[in-house]
């Protein structure tokens, strides 16, 4: 069912940032927009379509309904409420879980058999909700996970060392949140370990923690300054979509399901490096972890499971 058709559920800032990046980059044939706000969806369809004369390829863009999901290759879910000031992540999770369950039911009812990509927050929990509600195999339900966090990490490392971010091979793992961590032993600049570069150039090792804190604080700082983050995640979602449509076998830190003791964990969606192709998650990549890193991953999973128990 390769037709280059993508459905976007949720036409807020995040969803439309993804849609706009798709319009500019190309690579899909049809983009369907779905949102509870019908007028806004029609307005977004019109606005995007007016850019088609300058787009790299022909594309069908239209405001649609859940029935349009039936023959789509991918459905991307960005719908849900944003976290309000002083609202806990648990409260946000409870509200969005109910929304995501109903959206998933409507998508599955259409006859959809493609791949889900979930970006609604808290993303690891919402991906688990879609997985359970849909009954789809685990490889076909993917969360945006720590793909954006990883992009932020690579940007900050590149800025620190004054090298191209495309030559930074680094990954954020764990929850898309404050309990994430960096496996520094697996961080490379080109073909050389970042840790060795720091040692050779007598950079302070404490700077690694400062870089990670910069990743953690990035979203808070952006939200403080402009109320929301959306361009980075929009680009990240586009990247995942392209990896699937182009059957890339690309390595991305998506939120994926651990069920057979991978990394010592079971029954949890969390950000792990995985190979992504036309079938969704082809396989997980198993990294050797230090004791400290394993403890951080275990803690991340524990936090997610505790929160999940309160919304199920």
Protein backbone atom coordinates (compact mmCIF):
# COMPACT_ATOMS: atom_id res chain seq x y z
CA UNK A 1 0.00 0.00 0.00
CA UNK A 2 2.68 2.48 -1.02
CA UNK A 3 0.83 5.61 -2.09
CA UNK A 4 2.63 8.42 -0.27
CA UNK A 5 -0.53 9.35 1.65
CA UNK A 6 -0.14 10.82 5.13
CA UNK A 7 -2.94 11.83 7.51
CA UNK A 8 -2.33 14.44 10.20
CA UNK A 9 -4.69 14.43 13.19
CA UNK A 10 -4.33 17.74 15.01
CA UNK A 11 -3.77 21.03 13.19
CA UNK A 12 -2.16 22.96 16.03
CA UNK A 13 1.31 24.49 15.94
CA UNK A 14 3.13 21.15 16.03
CA UNK A 15 1.03 19.47 13.35
CA UNK A 16 1.13 22.42 11.00
CA UNK A 17 4.87 22.87 11.45
CA UNK A 18 5.24 19.28 10.25
CA UNK A 19 2.84 19.93 7.36
CA UNK A 20 4.70 23.08 6.32
CA UNK A 21 8.05 21.27 6.37
CA UNK A 22 6.52 18.51 4.20
CA UNK A 23 5.25 21.10 1.74
CA UNK A 24 8.74 22.58 1.43
CA UNK A 25 10.66 19.33 1.27
CA UNK A 26 8.27 17.15 -0.72
CA UNK A 27 8.33 13.37 -0.62
CA UNK A 28 4.63 12.76 -0.04
CA UNK A 29 1.79 12.70 -2.55
CA UNK A 30 -1.23 13.43 -0.36
CA UNK A 31 -1.67 15.15 3.00
CA UNK A 32 -5.01 14.94 4.80
CA UNK A 33 -5.70 17.29 7.71
CA UNK A 34 -8.13 16.30 10.49
CA UNK A 35 -9.10 18.38 13.51
CA UNK A 36 -12.12 18.93 15.73
CA UNK A 37 -12.06 22.56 14.59
CA UNK A 38 -13.38 22.14 11.04
CA UNK A 39 -13.05 25.78 10.01
CA UNK A 40 -9.43 25.95 11.11
CA UNK A 41 -8.69 22.75 9.18
CA UNK A 42 -10.18 24.20 6.01
CA UNK A 43 -8.22 27.41 6.54
CA UNK A 44 -4.99 25.43 6.97
CA UNK A 45 -5.75 23.48 3.78
CA UNK A 46 -6.21 26.71 1.84
CA UNK A 47 -3.12 28.38 3.29
CA UNK A 48 -0.83 25.41 2.56
CA UNK A 49 -2.29 24.87 -0.90
CA UNK A 50 -1.51 28.43 -1.90
CA UNK A 51 2.17 27.56 -1.52
CA UNK A 52 1.99 24.61 -3.94
CA UNK A 53 3.12 26.64 -6.99
CA UNK A 54 6.50 27.03 -5.24
CA UNK A 55 6.69 23.52 -3.73
CA UNK A 56 9.20 20.95 -5.07
CA UNK A 57 6.47 18.55 -6.18
CA UNK A 58 2.78 18.19 -6.78
CA UNK A 59 0.83 17.34 -3.63
CA UNK A 60 -2.83 16.91 -2.76
CA UNK A 61 -3.72 18.76 0.44
CA UNK A 62 -7.22 18.63 1.87
CA UNK A 63 -9.23 18.91 5.04
CA UNK A 64 -10.65 15.45 5.64
CA UNK A 65 -12.40 13.02 7.93
CA UNK A 66 -11.34 9.86 9.75
CA UNK A 67 -12.65 7.80 6.83
CA UNK A 68 -9.71 9.21 4.84
CA UNK A 69 -7.33 7.18 7.03
CA UNK A 70 -8.40 3.92 5.41
CA UNK A 71 -5.77 3.82 2.66
CA UNK A 72 -3.10 6.04 4.27
CA UNK A 73 0.44 4.76 4.75
CA UNK A 74 0.94 6.82 7.90
CA UNK A 75 -1.26 8.60 10.43
CA UNK A 76 0.49 11.21 12.57
CA UNK A 77 -1.28 12.19 15.81
CA UNK A 78 -0.39 15.57 17.30
CA UNK A 79 -3.81 16.30 18.80
CA UNK A 80 -4.35 16.98 22.50
CA UNK A 81 -4.28 19.84 24.93
CA UNK A 82 -1.10 21.70 25.74
CA UNK A 83 0.27 21.68 29.28
CA UNK A 84 -1.12 24.65 31.21
CA UNK A 85 0.81 26.70 33.76
CA UNK A 86 1.04 24.82 37.08
CA UNK A 87 -0.61 21.73 35.55
CA UNK A 88 1.14 18.49 36.46
CA UNK A 89 2.26 16.03 33.80
CA UNK A 90 -0.11 13.50 35.36
CA UNK A 91 -3.09 15.81 34.92
CA UNK A 92 -2.03 16.44 31.32
CA UNK A 93 -1.67 12.70 30.75
CA UNK A 94 -5.16 11.96 32.09
CA UNK A 95 -6.76 14.55 29.83
CA UNK A 96 -4.86 13.61 26.70
CA UNK A 97 -5.23 9.85 27.22
CA UNK A 98 -9.01 10.17 26.87
CA UNK A 99 -8.62 12.27 23.73
CA UNK A 100 -6.06 9.90 22.16
CA UNK A 101 -8.14 6.79 22.92
CA UNK A 102 -11.12 8.19 21.00
CA UNK A 103 -8.96 9.36 18.10
CA UNK A 104 -7.36 5.91 17.86
CA UNK A 105 -10.77 4.22 17.84
CA UNK A 106 -11.92 6.47 15.00
CA UNK A 107 -8.77 5.83 12.97
CA UNK A 108 -8.93 2.04 13.38
CA UNK A 109 -12.65 2.05 12.55
CA UNK A 110 -11.80 3.52 9.14
CA UNK A 111 -9.94 0.33 8.20
CA UNK A 112 -6.50 1.91 8.55
CA UNK A 113 -3.68 -0.64 8.39
CA UNK A 114 -0.63 1.60 8.14
CA UNK A 115 1.77 3.01 10.71
CA UNK A 116 0.93 5.30 13.63
CA UNK A 117 3.31 8.09 14.61
CA UNK A 118 2.39 9.75 17.91
CA UNK A 119 3.63 13.15 19.08
CA UNK A 120 0.95 14.09 21.62
CA UNK A 121 2.35 14.65 25.11
CA UNK A 122 3.41 13.00 27.34
CA UNK A 123 4.50 11.21 24.18
CA UNK A 124 5.77 7.92 25.64
CA UNK A 125 2.50 7.41 27.52
CA UNK A 126 0.30 8.49 24.62
CA UNK A 127 2.12 6.09 22.29
CA UNK A 128 1.40 3.28 24.76
CA UNK A 129 -2.28 4.32 24.77
CA UNK A 130 -2.43 4.13 20.95
CA UNK A 131 -0.66 0.75 21.01
CA UNK A 132 -3.14 -0.74 23.49
CA UNK A 133 -6.25 0.86 21.99
CA UNK A 134 -5.39 0.00 18.38
CA UNK A 135 -4.27 -3.58 18.89
CA UNK A 136 -1.65 -2.96 16.20
CA UNK A 137 1.70 -4.79 16.26
CA UNK A 138 4.40 -2.91 18.17
CA UNK A 139 6.46 -2.13 15.06
CA UNK A 140 3.55 -0.14 13.60
CA UNK A 141 3.03 2.19 16.59
CA UNK A 142 5.86 4.69 17.01
CA UNK A 143 6.26 7.73 19.23
CA UNK A 144 8.39 10.76 18.38
CA UNK A 145 10.30 9.79 21.53
CA UNK A 146 13.61 11.57 21.95
CA UNK A 147 14.15 12.38 18.26
CA UNK A 148 13.82 16.11 18.98
CA UNK A 149 15.91 15.85 22.15
CA UNK A 150 18.60 14.10 20.09
CA UNK A 151 18.51 16.87 17.48
CA UNK A 152 18.93 19.46 20.22
CA UNK A 153 21.83 17.49 21.67
CA UNK A 154 23.60 17.30 18.31
CA UNK A 155 23.10 21.01 17.73
CA UNK A 156 24.55 21.93 21.12
CA UNK A 157 27.53 19.60 20.76
CA UNK A 158 28.23 20.94 17.27
CA UNK A 159 28.03 24.50 18.56
CA UNK A 160 30.38 23.66 21.45
CA UNK A 161 33.03 22.06 19.22
CA UNK A 162 32.41 24.27 16.15
CA UNK A 163 31.80 21.35 13.81
CA UNK A 164 28.90 20.44 11.50
CA UNK A 165 25.93 18.99 13.37
CA UNK A 166 25.65 16.43 10.56
CA UNK A 167 28.92 14.90 11.78
CA UNK A 168 27.72 14.58 15.37
CA UNK A 169 26.49 11.07 16.18
CA UNK A 170 24.87 11.35 19.59
CA UNK A 171 21.66 10.11 21.17
CA UNK A 172 19.31 11.06 23.97
CA UNK A 173 17.62 8.00 25.48
CA UNK A 174 14.80 7.43 27.93
CA UNK A 175 11.68 9.43 28.55
CA UNK A 176 10.94 12.52 26.48
CA UNK A 177 11.31 14.57 29.63
CA UNK A 178 13.58 15.45 32.52
CA UNK A 179 14.65 11.85 33.21
CA UNK A 180 16.32 11.42 29.82
CA UNK A 181 20.06 10.77 29.59
CA UNK A 182 22.99 10.62 27.14
CA UNK A 183 25.10 7.46 26.67
CA UNK A 184 28.31 9.46 26.27
CA UNK A 185 30.47 6.44 25.45
CA UNK A 186 28.44 6.09 22.25
CA UNK A 187 28.79 9.72 21.20
CA UNK A 188 31.01 10.31 18.20
CA UNK A 189 32.21 13.30 16.21
CA UNK A 190 32.80 11.77 12.82
CA UNK A 191 34.76 8.61 13.68
CA UNK A 192 36.20 9.76 17.03
CA UNK A 193 34.59 9.47 20.46
CA UNK A 194 33.51 12.77 21.97
CA UNK A 195 35.06 11.78 25.33
CA UNK A 196 38.45 11.28 23.63
CA UNK A 197 38.19 14.63 21.88
CA UNK A 198 37.55 16.36 25.21
CA UNK A 199 40.51 14.60 26.80
CA UNK A 200 42.86 15.39 23.91
CA UNK A 201 41.93 19.05 23.94
CA UNK A 202 41.71 19.35 27.73
CA UNK A 203 38.08 20.40 27.70
CA UNK A 204 36.42 20.03 31.14
CA UNK A 205 34.35 16.84 31.37
CA UNK A 206 31.74 18.77 33.36
CA UNK A 207 30.76 20.44 30.10
CA UNK A 208 29.03 17.22 29.05
CA UNK A 209 26.52 17.63 31.85
CA UNK A 210 26.06 21.29 30.94
CA UNK A 211 25.24 20.28 27.37
CA UNK A 212 22.69 17.73 28.58
CA UNK A 213 21.10 20.30 30.88
CA UNK A 214 20.92 22.61 27.88
CA UNK A 215 18.84 19.97 26.10
CA UNK A 216 16.56 19.48 29.12
CA UNK A 217 16.06 23.22 29.59
CA UNK A 218 15.62 24.04 25.90
CA UNK A 219 11.88 23.45 25.83
CA UNK A 220 11.30 25.40 29.05
CA UNK A 221 13.31 28.33 27.72
CA UNK A 222 11.53 28.36 24.36
CA UNK A 223 8.12 28.14 26.02
CA UNK A 224 9.07 30.97 28.38
CA UNK A 225 10.09 33.15 25.44
CA UNK A 226 7.49 32.27 22.78
CA UNK A 227 4.86 30.18 24.63
CA UNK A 228 5.36 26.92 22.68
CA UNK A 229 7.84 24.80 20.73
CA UNK A 230 6.84 23.50 17.31
CA UNK A 231 9.39 23.97 14.51
CA UNK A 232 11.88 21.46 15.90
CA UNK A 233 9.28 18.75 16.57
CA UNK A 234 7.65 19.48 13.21
CA UNK A 235 10.95 18.78 11.47
CA UNK A 236 11.50 15.70 13.65
CA UNK A 237 8.13 14.24 12.68
CA UNK A 238 8.85 14.91 9.02
CA UNK A 239 12.14 13.05 9.44
CA UNK A 240 10.38 9.97 10.85
CA UNK A 241 7.77 10.04 8.09
CA UNK A 242 10.45 10.20 5.40
CA UNK A 243 12.39 7.31 6.97
CA UNK A 244 9.24 5.17 6.65
CA UNK A 245 8.09 6.28 3.20
CA UNK A 246 11.57 6.01 1.70
CA UNK A 247 12.30 2.68 3.44
CA UNK A 248 15.55 4.19 4.72
CA UNK A 249 16.53 1.83 7.55
CA UNK A 250 17.47 5.03 9.40
CA UNK A 251 18.53 5.01 13.04
CA UNK A 252 16.26 7.27 15.09
CA UNK A 253 15.56 7.48 18.83
CA UNK A 254 11.83 6.91 18.57
CA UNK A 255 9.59 5.85 21.42
CA UNK A 256 9.25 2.12 20.89
CA UNK A 257 7.93 -0.84 22.83
CA UNK A 258 10.11 -2.94 25.11
CA UNK A 259 8.53 -6.30 25.90
CA UNK A 260 11.16 -9.03 25.96
CA UNK A 261 13.58 -7.71 28.53
CA UNK A 262 15.39 -5.39 26.12
CA UNK A 263 17.58 -3.12 28.24
CA UNK A 264 16.18 -5.06 31.22
CA UNK A 265 12.68 -3.62 30.76
CA UNK A 266 9.20 -4.84 29.81
CA UNK A 267 5.83 -3.38 28.83
CA UNK A 268 6.90 0.23 28.31
CA UNK A 269 7.28 2.70 25.44
CA UNK A 270 10.47 4.73 25.71
CA UNK A 271 13.08 6.48 23.55
CA UNK A 272 15.61 3.94 22.25
CA UNK A 273 17.75 3.96 19.07
CA UNK A 274 15.87 1.90 16.49
CA UNK A 275 16.10 1.12 12.79
CA UNK A 276 13.12 2.64 10.95
CA UNK A 277 11.91 1.54 7.51
CA UNK A 278 8.69 0.92 5.54
CA UNK A 279 7.50 -1.51 8.23
CA UNK A 280 7.99 0.97 11.06
CA UNK A 281 10.44 -0.30 13.68
CA UNK A 282 12.64 -2.96 12.05
CA UNK A 283 14.67 -3.61 15.19
CA UNK A 284 16.06 -2.02 18.32
CA UNK A 285 19.75 -1.28 18.66
CA UNK A 286 21.23 -2.70 21.84
CA UNK A 287 23.94 -0.50 23.33
CA UNK A 288 26.31 -1.46 26.12
CA UNK A 289 25.38 0.70 29.08
CA UNK A 290 27.34 1.74 32.13
CA UNK A 291 25.79 0.94 35.50
CA UNK A 292 24.85 4.59 35.90
CA UNK A 293 23.21 4.75 32.47
CA UNK A 294 21.23 1.59 33.12
CA UNK A 295 20.02 3.06 36.41
CA UNK A 296 18.90 6.20 34.57
CA UNK A 297 16.99 4.17 31.99
CA UNK A 298 15.40 2.07 34.73
CA UNK A 299 14.36 5.23 36.55
CA UNK A 300 12.89 6.69 33.36
CA UNK A 301 10.83 3.54 32.79
CA UNK A 302 9.75 3.46 36.44
CA UNK A 303 8.46 7.04 36.25
CA UNK A 304 6.48 6.28 33.09
CA UNK A 305 4.95 3.13 34.53
CA UNK A 306 3.93 4.92 37.72
CA UNK A 307 2.25 7.66 35.74
CA UNK A 308 0.57 5.12 33.47
CA UNK A 309 -0.98 3.31 36.43
CA UNK A 310 -2.75 6.53 37.36
CA UNK A 311 -4.31 7.09 33.94
CA UNK A 312 -5.36 3.54 32.99
